[in-house]
Amino acid sequence: MSRFFVFSNLQGWKSGDFPANAFMSIGIADHVELPTGELLISAQLATDGEIDYAVDGLIAELESVRRAAKTRIKADNARVRNDVTKRLDERGQ
């Protein structure tokens, strides 16, 4: 399971809603918050190998979320665009 997720402002958008452009945000789903408010996104790392393993894993997760965000923004914008086109066609415009 990824520590990161994609959030879209159009997550709850449905046909007939006011049209808007999509934007994506990347969130952190798995973390530990310190009393100072800082977030930890890895376990405790004690060796060079553990550091490399953790950072490589974070990079792979971020690459995955990058692809998901790009796919999602295209799909959300297409969904809105198609709905607006359909509504205009129904009005004969």
C-alpha atoms as a PDB file:
ATOM      1  CA  MET A   1       0.000   0.000   0.000  1.00  0.00           C
ATOM      2  CA  SER A   2       1.314   3.414  -0.915  1.00  0.00           C
ATOM      3  CA  ARG A   3       2.005   6.118   1.633  1.00  0.00           C
ATOM      4  CA  PHE A   4       0.785   8.644  -0.904  1.00  0.00           C
ATOM      5  CA  PHE A   5      -2.524   9.263  -2.632  1.00  0.00           C
ATOM      6  CA  VAL A   6      -3.993  11.543  -5.283  1.00  0.00           C
ATOM      7  CA  PHE A   7      -6.807  13.921  -4.387  1.00  0.00           C
ATOM      8  CA  SER A   8      -8.879  15.613  -7.078  1.00  0.00           C
ATOM      9  CA  ASN A   9     -11.063  18.662  -6.515  1.00  0.00           C
ATOM     10  CA  LEU A  10     -13.568  16.913  -8.813  1.00  0.00           C
ATOM     11  CA  GLN A  11     -13.749  13.735  -6.749  1.00  0.00           C
ATOM     12  CA  GLY A  12     -17.450  14.268  -6.015  1.00  0.00           C
ATOM     13  CA  TRP A  13     -18.287  16.018  -9.291  1.00  0.00           C
ATOM     14  CA  LYS A  14     -21.276  14.645 -11.180  1.00  0.00           C
ATOM     15  CA  SER A  15     -23.012  15.351 -14.458  1.00  0.00           C
ATOM     16  CA  GLY A  16     -24.890  18.626 -14.327  1.00  0.00           C
ATOM     17  CA  ASP A  17     -22.632  20.195 -11.688  1.00  0.00           C
ATOM     18  CA  PHE A  18     -20.987  23.523 -12.463  1.00  0.00           C
ATOM     19  CA  PRO A  19     -18.000  22.854 -14.740  1.00  0.00           C
ATOM     20  CA  ALA A  20     -14.521  23.363 -13.317  1.00  0.00           C
ATOM     21  CA  ASN A  21     -10.944  22.578 -14.224  1.00  0.00           C
ATOM     22  CA  ALA A  22      -9.436  19.699 -12.335  1.00  0.00           C
ATOM     23  CA  PHE A  23      -6.467  20.068 -10.045  1.00  0.00           C
ATOM     24  CA  MET A  24      -4.637  17.358  -8.202  1.00  0.00           C
ATOM     25  CA  SER A  25      -3.035  17.291  -4.791  1.00  0.00           C
ATOM     26  CA  ILE A  26      -0.752  14.578  -3.480  1.00  0.00           C
ATOM     27  CA  GLY A  27      -1.449  13.529   0.079  1.00  0.00           C
ATOM     28  CA  ILE A  28       0.315  11.422   2.668  1.00  0.00           C
ATOM     29  CA  ALA A  29      -1.778   8.479   3.837  1.00  0.00           C
ATOM     30  CA  ASP A  30       0.766   6.795   6.103  1.00  0.00           C
ATOM     31  CA  HIS A  31       2.860   8.822   8.537  1.00  0.00           C
ATOM     32  CA  VAL A  32       3.702   9.477  12.154  1.00  0.00           C
ATOM     33  CA  GLU A  33       3.258  12.983  13.524  1.00  0.00           C
ATOM     34  CA  LEU A  34       5.750  14.239  16.072  1.00  0.00           C
ATOM     35  CA  PRO A  35       4.632  16.500  18.945  1.00  0.00           C
ATOM     36  CA  THR A  36       6.209  19.400  17.014  1.00  0.00           C
ATOM     37  CA  GLY A  37       3.864  18.748  14.062  1.00  0.00           C
ATOM     38  CA  GLU A  38       6.557  17.333  11.789  1.00  0.00           C
ATOM     39  CA  LEU A  39       5.690  14.176   9.857  1.00  0.00           C
ATOM     40  CA  LEU A  40       7.783  11.022   9.603  1.00  0.00           C
ATOM     41  CA  ILE A  41       7.293   8.937   6.460  1.00  0.00           C
ATOM     42  CA  SER A  42       9.743   6.138   7.188  1.00  0.00           C
ATOM     43  CA  ALA A  43      10.680   3.744   9.930  1.00  0.00           C
ATOM     44  CA  GLN A  44      13.831   4.398  11.948  1.00  0.00           C
ATOM     45  CA  LEU A  45      16.834   3.886   9.681  1.00  0.00           C
ATOM     46  CA  ALA A  46      20.151   2.760  11.140  1.00  0.00           C
ATOM     47  CA  THR A  47      22.332   1.757   8.187  1.00  0.00           C
ATOM     48  CA  ASP A  48      23.204   2.997   4.709  1.00  0.00           C
ATOM     49  CA  GLY A  49      21.329   0.015   3.278  1.00  0.00           C
ATOM     50  CA  GLU A  50      18.168   0.820   5.243  1.00  0.00           C
ATOM     51  CA  ILE A  51      18.345   4.446   4.117  1.00  0.00           C
ATOM     52  CA  ASP A  52      18.785   3.421   0.477  1.00  0.00           C
ATOM     53  CA  TYR A  53      15.930   0.912   0.722  1.00  0.00           C
ATOM     54  CA  ALA A  54      13.549   3.446   2.302  1.00  0.00           C
ATOM     55  CA  VAL A  55      14.405   6.260  -0.112  1.00  0.00           C
ATOM     56  CA  ASP A  56      14.206   3.954  -3.151  1.00  0.00           C
ATOM     57  CA  GLY A  57      10.778   2.826  -1.964  1.00  0.00           C
ATOM     58  CA  LEU A  58       9.576   6.420  -1.526  1.00  0.00           C
ATOM     59  CA  ILE A  59      10.837   7.328  -4.992  1.00  0.00           C
ATOM     60  CA  ALA A  60       9.000   4.352  -6.510  1.00  0.00           C
ATOM     61  CA  GLU A  61       5.789   5.302  -4.677  1.00  0.00           C
ATOM     62  CA  LEU A  62       6.081   8.919  -5.822  1.00  0.00           C
ATOM     63  CA  GLU A  63       6.641   7.826  -9.428  1.00  0.00           C
ATOM     64  CA  SER A  64       3.504   5.710  -9.173  1.00  0.00           C
ATOM     65  CA  VAL A  65       1.468   8.590  -7.750  1.00  0.00           C
ATOM     66  CA  ARG A  66       2.840  10.886 -10.482  1.00  0.00           C
ATOM     67  CA  ARG A  67       1.439   8.532 -13.147  1.00  0.00           C
ATOM     68  CA  ALA A  68      -1.871   8.211 -11.289  1.00  0.00           C
ATOM     69  CA  ALA A  69      -2.228  11.994 -10.944  1.00  0.00           C
ATOM     70  CA  LYS A  70      -1.566  12.583 -14.650  1.00  0.00           C
ATOM     71  CA  THR A  71      -4.091   9.916 -15.614  1.00  0.00           C
ATOM     72  CA  ARG A  72      -6.650  11.295 -13.169  1.00  0.00           C
ATOM     73  CA  ILE A  73      -6.353  14.943 -14.244  1.00  0.00           C
ATOM     74  CA  LYS A  74      -6.834  13.988 -17.911  1.00  0.00           C
ATOM     75  CA  ALA A  75      -9.833  11.807 -17.069  1.00  0.00           C
ATOM     76  CA  ASP A  76     -11.466  14.407 -14.805  1.00  0.00           C
ATOM     77  CA  ASN A  77     -11.066  17.210 -17.341  1.00  0.00           C
ATOM     78  CA  ALA A  78     -12.403  14.976 -20.124  1.00  0.00           C
ATOM     79  CA  ARG A  79     -15.403  14.005 -17.995  1.00  0.00           C
ATOM     80  CA  VAL A  80     -16.307  17.672 -17.398  1.00  0.00           C
ATOM     81  CA  ARG A  81     -15.645  18.633 -21.019  1.00  0.00           C
ATOM     82  CA  ASN A  82     -17.808  15.762 -22.314  1.00  0.00           C
ATOM     83  CA  ASP A  83     -20.634  16.672 -19.945  1.00  0.00           C
ATOM     84  CA  VAL A  84     -20.591  20.326 -21.003  1.00  0.00           C
ATOM     85  CA  THR A  85     -20.508  19.332 -24.691  1.00  0.00           C
ATOM     86  CA  LYS A  86     -23.451  16.991 -24.141  1.00  0.00           C
ATOM     87  CA  ARG A  87     -25.474  19.696 -22.372  1.00  0.00           C
ATOM     88  CA  LEU A  88     -24.750  22.214 -25.127  1.00  0.00           C
ATOM     89  CA  ASP A  89     -25.734  19.683 -27.802  1.00  0.00           C
ATOM     90  CA  GLU A  90     -29.008  18.998 -25.961  1.00  0.00           C
ATOM     91  CA  ARG A  91     -29.781  22.734 -26.047  1.00  0.00           C
ATOM     92  CA  GLY A  92     -28.973  22.862 -29.760  1.00  0.00           C
ATOM     93  CA  GLN A  93     -25.991  25.186 -29.328  1.00  0.00           C
END
